[in-house]
Every structure is written in structure tokens, then in C-alpha cells.
C-alpha atoms as a PDB file:
ATOM      1  CA  UNK A   1     227.684  -4.444 109.995  1.00  0.00           C
ATOM      2  CA  UNK A   2     228.484  -8.005 108.386  1.00  0.00           C
ATOM      3  CA  UNK A   3     228.364 -11.036 110.939  1.00  0.00           C
ATOM      4  CA  UNK A   4     231.358 -12.319 111.366  1.00  0.00           C
ATOM      5  CA  UNK A   5     232.484 -15.730 109.794  1.00  0.00           C
ATOM      6  CA  UNK A   6     231.380 -18.759 111.934  1.00  0.00           C
ATOM      7  CA  UNK A   7     234.310 -20.351 113.206  1.00  0.00           C
ATOM      8  CA  UNK A   8     234.709 -16.586 114.867  1.00  0.00           C
ATOM      9  CA  UNK A   9     231.821 -16.842 116.879  1.00  0.00           C
ATOM     10  CA  UNK A  10     231.840 -17.169 120.462  1.00  0.00           C
ATOM     11  CA  UNK A  11     231.176 -20.551 122.227  1.00  0.00           C
ATOM     12  CA  UNK A  12     227.162 -20.636 122.562  1.00  0.00           C
ATOM     13  CA  UNK A  13     227.712 -21.449 126.487  1.00  0.00           C
ATOM     14  CA  UNK A  14     229.933 -17.871 126.550  1.00  0.00           C
ATOM     15  CA  UNK A  15     233.438 -19.512 127.301  1.00  0.00           C
ATOM     16  CA  UNK A  16     236.101 -19.198 124.725  1.00  0.00           C
ATOM     17  CA  UNK A  17     235.686 -19.496 121.093  1.00  0.00           C
ATOM     18  CA  UNK A  18     234.663 -23.091 120.054  1.00  0.00           C
ATOM     19  CA  UNK A  19     236.528 -25.136 117.800  1.00  0.00           C
ATOM     20  CA  UNK A  20     235.363 -25.617 114.062  1.00  0.00           C
ATOM     21  CA  UNK A  21     234.161 -28.658 114.919  1.00  0.00           C
ATOM     22  CA  UNK A  22     232.247 -27.457 117.875  1.00  0.00           C
ATOM     23  CA  UNK A  23     230.401 -25.340 116.093  1.00  0.00           C
ATOM     24  CA  UNK A  24     230.048 -26.632 112.782  1.00  0.00           C
ATOM     25  CA  UNK A  25     226.503 -27.002 112.155  1.00  0.00           C
ATOM     26  CA  UNK A  26     224.705 -30.395 112.128  1.00  0.00           C
ATOM     27  CA  UNK A  27     224.012 -31.935 108.303  1.00  0.00           C
ATOM     28  CA  UNK A  28     220.179 -30.763 107.279  1.00  0.00           C
ATOM     29  CA  UNK A  29     217.793 -34.035 107.636  1.00  0.00           C
ATOM     30  CA  UNK A  30     217.503 -36.362 104.612  1.00  0.00           C
ATOM     31  CA  UNK A  31     214.506 -35.117 102.428  1.00  0.00           C
ATOM     32  CA  UNK A  32     211.318 -37.716 103.313  1.00  0.00           C
ATOM     33  CA  UNK A  33     208.965 -36.396 100.489  1.00  0.00           C
ATOM     34  CA  UNK A  34     209.795 -35.930  97.139  1.00  0.00           C
ATOM     35  CA  UNK A  35     211.093 -32.412  94.968  1.00  0.00           C
ATOM     36  CA  UNK A  36     207.762 -31.572  92.978  1.00  0.00           C
ATOM     37  CA  UNK A  37     209.547 -30.363  89.413  1.00  0.00           C
ATOM     38  CA  UNK A  38     207.030 -28.210  87.720  1.00  0.00           C
ATOM     39  CA  UNK A  39     207.588 -28.611  83.956  1.00  0.00           C
ATOM     40  CA  UNK A  40     208.272 -25.988  81.612  1.00  0.00           C
ATOM     41  CA  UNK A  41     209.625 -25.603  77.928  1.00  0.00           C
ATOM     42  CA  UNK A  42     208.977 -27.734  74.817  1.00  0.00           C
ATOM     43  CA  UNK A  43     207.909 -31.185  74.339  1.00  0.00           C
ATOM     44  CA  UNK A  44     207.461 -33.740  71.970  1.00  0.00           C
ATOM     45  CA  UNK A  45     205.925 -36.645  70.358  1.00  0.00           C
ATOM     46  CA  UNK A  46     207.107 -38.937  67.205  1.00  0.00           C
ATOM     47  CA  UNK A  47     205.162 -41.282  64.723  1.00  0.00           C
ATOM     48  CA  UNK A  48     206.130 -42.994  61.788  1.00  0.00           C
ATOM     49  CA  UNK A  49     204.150 -41.481  58.737  1.00  0.00           C
ATOM     50  CA  UNK A  50     205.256 -43.984  55.781  1.00  0.00           C
ATOM     51  CA  UNK A  51     208.834 -43.073  55.039  1.00  0.00           C
ATOM     52  CA  UNK A  52     208.637 -39.822  57.137  1.00  0.00           C
ATOM     53  CA  UNK A  53     208.962 -38.992  60.453  1.00  0.00           C
ATOM     54  CA  UNK A  54     205.789 -36.870  61.589  1.00  0.00           C
ATOM     55  CA  UNK A  55     206.462 -34.824  65.198  1.00  0.00           C
ATOM     56  CA  UNK A  56     204.178 -32.767  67.388  1.00  0.00           C
ATOM     57  CA  UNK A  57     206.122 -30.023  69.500  1.00  0.00           C
ATOM     58  CA  UNK A  58     204.209 -27.968  72.063  1.00  0.00           C
ATOM     59  CA  UNK A  59     205.381 -25.506  74.460  1.00  0.00           C
ATOM     60  CA  UNK A  60     207.387 -22.889  74.180  1.00  0.00           C
ATOM     61  CA  UNK A  61     210.284 -22.983  71.758  1.00  0.00           C
ATOM     62  CA  UNK A  62     213.335 -21.178  74.122  1.00  0.00           C
ATOM     63  CA  UNK A  63     216.925 -21.657  74.770  1.00  0.00           C
ATOM     64  CA  UNK A  64     215.569 -24.351  76.935  1.00  0.00           C
ATOM     65  CA  UNK A  65     214.460 -26.172  73.583  1.00  0.00           C
ATOM     66  CA  UNK A  66     218.368 -27.115  72.811  1.00  0.00           C
ATOM     67  CA  UNK A  67     217.940 -30.014  75.145  1.00  0.00           C
ATOM     68  CA  UNK A  68     215.024 -30.883  72.686  1.00  0.00           C
ATOM     69  CA  UNK A  69     217.653 -31.322  69.702  1.00  0.00           C
ATOM     70  CA  UNK A  70     219.366 -34.656  70.243  1.00  0.00           C
ATOM     71  CA  UNK A  71     215.995 -36.480  70.567  1.00  0.00           C
ATOM     72  CA  UNK A  72     215.102 -34.714  67.012  1.00  0.00           C
ATOM     73  CA  UNK A  73     218.033 -35.995  65.267  1.00  0.00           C
ATOM     74  CA  UNK A  74     217.313 -39.513  66.902  1.00  0.00           C
ATOM     75  CA  UNK A  75     213.824 -39.009  64.931  1.00  0.00           C
ATOM     76  CA  UNK A  76     215.337 -37.536  62.052  1.00  0.00           C
ATOM     77  CA  UNK A  77     218.093 -40.921  61.599  1.00  0.00           C
ATOM     78  CA  UNK A  78     214.930 -43.443  61.659  1.00  0.00           C
ATOM     79  CA  UNK A  79     213.085 -41.747  59.244  1.00  0.00           C
ATOM     80  CA  UNK A  80     213.320 -42.514  55.652  1.00  0.00           C
ATOM     81  CA  UNK A  81     212.971 -39.330  53.937  1.00  0.00           C
ATOM     82  CA  UNK A  82     212.764 -36.292  56.558  1.00  0.00           C
ATOM     83  CA  UNK A  83     210.498 -35.205  59.355  1.00  0.00           C
ATOM     84  CA  UNK A  84     207.344 -33.238  59.189  1.00  0.00           C
ATOM     85  CA  UNK A  85     206.563 -31.052  62.092  1.00  0.00           C
ATOM     86  CA  UNK A  86     203.369 -29.932  63.661  1.00  0.00           C
ATOM     87  CA  UNK A  87     203.645 -26.958  65.425  1.00  0.00           C
ATOM     88  CA  UNK A  88     200.793 -25.453  66.216  1.00  0.00           C
ATOM     89  CA  UNK A  89     200.531 -25.701  69.623  1.00  0.00           C
ATOM     90  CA  UNK A  90     203.993 -23.885  70.385  1.00  0.00           C
ATOM     91  CA  UNK A  91     202.350 -20.855  72.538  1.00  0.00           C
ATOM     92  CA  UNK A  92     206.034 -19.151  72.626  1.00  0.00           C
ATOM     93  CA  UNK A  93     208.905 -18.977  70.026  1.00  0.00           C
ATOM     94  CA  UNK A  94     211.850 -17.204  70.071  1.00  0.00           C
ATOM     95  CA  UNK A  95     215.538 -16.938  67.731  1.00  0.00           C
ATOM     96  CA  UNK A  96     216.848 -19.855  70.079  1.00  0.00           C
ATOM     97  CA  UNK A  97     213.825 -21.975  69.296  1.00  0.00           C
ATOM     98  CA  UNK A  98     214.008 -21.227  65.341  1.00  0.00           C
ATOM     99  CA  UNK A  99     218.104 -21.824  66.095  1.00  0.00           C
ATOM    100  CA  UNK A 100     216.759 -25.359  66.824  1.00  0.00           C
ATOM    101  CA  UNK A 101     214.384 -25.860  63.825  1.00  0.00           C
ATOM    102  CA  UNK A 102     217.476 -24.425  61.726  1.00  0.00           C
ATOM    103  CA  UNK A 103     220.097 -26.878  63.192  1.00  0.00           C
ATOM    104  CA  UNK A 104     217.873 -29.696  62.310  1.00  0.00           C
ATOM    105  CA  UNK A 105     217.061 -29.011  58.910  1.00  0.00           C
ATOM    106  CA  UNK A 106     220.897 -28.339  58.787  1.00  0.00           C
ATOM    107  CA  UNK A 107     221.488 -32.048  59.757  1.00  0.00           C
ATOM    108  CA  UNK A 108     218.403 -32.975  57.385  1.00  0.00           C
ATOM    109  CA  UNK A 109     220.106 -31.614  54.383  1.00  0.00           C
ATOM    110  CA  UNK A 110     223.370 -32.877  54.815  1.00  0.00           C
ATOM    111  CA  UNK A 111     221.557 -36.144  55.340  1.00  0.00           C
ATOM    112  CA  UNK A 112     219.402 -35.957  52.044  1.00  0.00           C
ATOM    113  CA  UNK A 113     216.511 -35.255  54.182  1.00  0.00           C
ATOM    114  CA  UNK A 114     213.838 -32.760  54.601  1.00  0.00           C
ATOM    115  CA  UNK A 115     212.348 -31.353  57.128  1.00  0.00           C
ATOM    116  CA  UNK A 116     209.001 -29.616  56.940  1.00  0.00           C
ATOM    117  CA  UNK A 117     206.625 -27.523  58.884  1.00  0.00           C
ATOM    118  CA  UNK A 118     203.083 -29.043  58.450  1.00  0.00           C
ATOM    119  CA  UNK A 119     201.199 -26.500  60.627  1.00  0.00           C
ATOM    120  CA  UNK A 120     202.515 -23.856  62.679  1.00  0.00           C
ATOM    121  CA  UNK A 121     200.231 -21.902  65.189  1.00  0.00           C
ATOM    122  CA  UNK A 122     200.315 -17.964  65.799  1.00  0.00           C
ATOM    123  CA  UNK A 123     203.629 -17.841  67.692  1.00  0.00           C
ATOM    124  CA  UNK A 124     206.082 -19.751  65.410  1.00  0.00           C
ATOM    125  CA  UNK A 125     203.985 -18.527  61.893  1.00  0.00           C
ATOM    126  CA  UNK A 126     204.670 -14.866  63.065  1.00  0.00           C
ATOM    127  CA  UNK A 127     208.548 -15.571  63.831  1.00  0.00           C
ATOM    128  CA  UNK A 128     209.088 -17.584  60.266  1.00  0.00           C
ATOM    129  CA  UNK A 129     207.047 -15.098  58.399  1.00  0.00           C
ATOM    130  CA  UNK A 130     209.291 -12.043  60.114  1.00  0.00           C
ATOM    131  CA  UNK A 131     212.544 -13.897  59.472  1.00  0.00           C
ATOM    132  CA  UNK A 132     211.954 -15.030  56.093  1.00  0.00           C
ATOM    133  CA  UNK A 133     212.462 -18.381  56.698  1.00  0.00           C
ATOM    134  CA  UNK A 134     209.173 -19.765  56.042  1.00  0.00           C
ATOM    135  CA  UNK A 135     209.727 -21.259  52.710  1.00  0.00           C
ATOM    136  CA  UNK A 136     212.990 -23.133  54.011  1.00  0.00           C
ATOM    137  CA  UNK A 137     210.442 -25.568  56.000  1.00  0.00           C
ATOM    138  CA  UNK A 138     207.783 -25.893  52.994  1.00  0.00           C
ATOM    139  CA  UNK A 139     207.800 -29.068  51.088  1.00  0.00           C
ATOM    140  CA  UNK A 140     209.148 -28.879  47.696  1.00  0.00           C
ATOM    141  CA  UNK A 141     206.728 -30.941  46.321  1.00  0.00           C
ATOM    142  CA  UNK A 142     203.882 -29.056  48.058  1.00  0.00           C
ATOM    143  CA  UNK A 143     204.423 -25.597  47.711  1.00  0.00           C
ATOM    144  CA  UNK A 144     201.650 -22.846  47.924  1.00  0.00           C
ATOM    145  CA  UNK A 145     200.298 -21.892  44.592  1.00  0.00           C
ATOM    146  CA  UNK A 146     199.766 -18.405  43.288  1.00  0.00           C
ATOM    147  CA  UNK A 147     197.960 -15.983  45.747  1.00  0.00           C
ATOM    148  CA  UNK A 148     194.408 -14.372  44.409  1.00  0.00           C
ATOM    149  CA  UNK A 149     196.043 -11.399  44.172  1.00  0.00           C
ATOM    150  CA  UNK A 150     198.699 -10.998  41.840  1.00  0.00           C
ATOM    151  CA  UNK A 151     200.349  -7.943  43.046  1.00  0.00           C
ATOM    152  CA  UNK A 152     201.114  -9.674  46.176  1.00  0.00           C
ATOM    153  CA  UNK A 153     202.852 -12.384  43.673  1.00  0.00           C
ATOM    154  CA  UNK A 154     205.363 -10.228  42.019  1.00  0.00           C
ATOM    155  CA  UNK A 155     206.619  -8.706  45.620  1.00  0.00           C
ATOM    156  CA  UNK A 156     209.920 -10.118  46.501  1.00  0.00           C
ATOM    157  CA  UNK A 157     209.168 -13.033  49.530  1.00  0.00           C
ATOM    158  CA  UNK A 158     211.065 -10.915  51.848  1.00  0.00           C
ATOM    159  CA  UNK A 159     207.934  -8.874  52.254  1.00  0.00           C
ATOM    160  CA  UNK A 160     205.066 -10.680  52.815  1.00  0.00           C
ATOM    161  CA  UNK A 161     203.823 -11.133  55.923  1.00  0.00           C
ATOM    162  CA  UNK A 162     201.515 -12.859  58.011  1.00  0.00           C
ATOM    163  CA  UNK A 163     198.942  -9.709  58.388  1.00  0.00           C
ATOM    164  CA  UNK A 164     196.524  -8.781  56.304  1.00  0.00           C
ATOM    165  CA  UNK A 165     196.792  -5.775  54.084  1.00  0.00           C
ATOM    166  CA  UNK A 166     194.715  -2.139  55.129  1.00  0.00           C
ATOM    167  CA  UNK A 167     191.882  -2.097  52.548  1.00  0.00           C
END
């Protein structure tokens, strides 16, 4: 059976029911030690690199990484021609993280700038390949050349994968 509401309880001394002020709980004592917060999510550093900004991200690119978008847009505003991303230390990336990258790219293009992925770890690389978005983050001046396999070059871009083919 559920416990009755606090104000309906009998008075602690066994007498009649107390008033709300008599039965009100005392305030909790103030906290004397700092609250420990375990950091999670993505982190970033930005450094100038000529007329571009180099941004290194690490951690997890997920729904929580949306909080980085204002900082990324601030870095974009400081750049002359855009941002070069180093994502090789990103341990996890899902569609929300990709959404942050796509939003950054869209804003950059609207300002006449570019966003390139200079390096990507397994998680980001696989997601870019599976979604067919890797080419959107390539430097237009430094596109990779043709591969050693002419049959692979003839395939549509959407069918390229990051996994080796069986021989």
C-alpha cells in the first residue's frame, strides 16, 4: 500500500496530525565538497594554419556533440578559407555527430569556405564511407588520384567501401 502524503501523517509524538509547518522536512545542509563531474562527449582544440584553422576533435561525436557547433562556427568565422578537421582520435561517431559535421560544412559553404577531413579514425571513416559523405569533406585541390584497380574506379562512388575485397 502506498505511503500517505507527508502532511497526512500523524504527528511524530503520537498526538493529533501536525500542521504543514510542523511536519515540513528540514532543509538539506549545504554541500561542502565540490560536485565531481565526469567529462564525456567530444572535445576540440583549434590552431591557425595559414589562412585555415586546424581543428582536432577527440572523444565521441554523438547527440551531445551538438554543444560544440557554436564553438566550431566561431572557429570558422576566424578562418580565412575554412577548417581542416583531424578526427583520428574520435572513438565513436553516429548520425548525430555526422549531422554536426554536415551543419558545419553547410555554414562554411554559405560563407565561401570549406571544411575538409584531413584524418579520420575507424569510426568516422566507416560512417563517412557508409553514408557516401566522405567526398563532401575532401579538399577539392587535393583529391586522391585513381587507385591501382581500374575496375574499382569505374564503380559508382556510393559502392566504394572501406573494407578490403575478398580475393
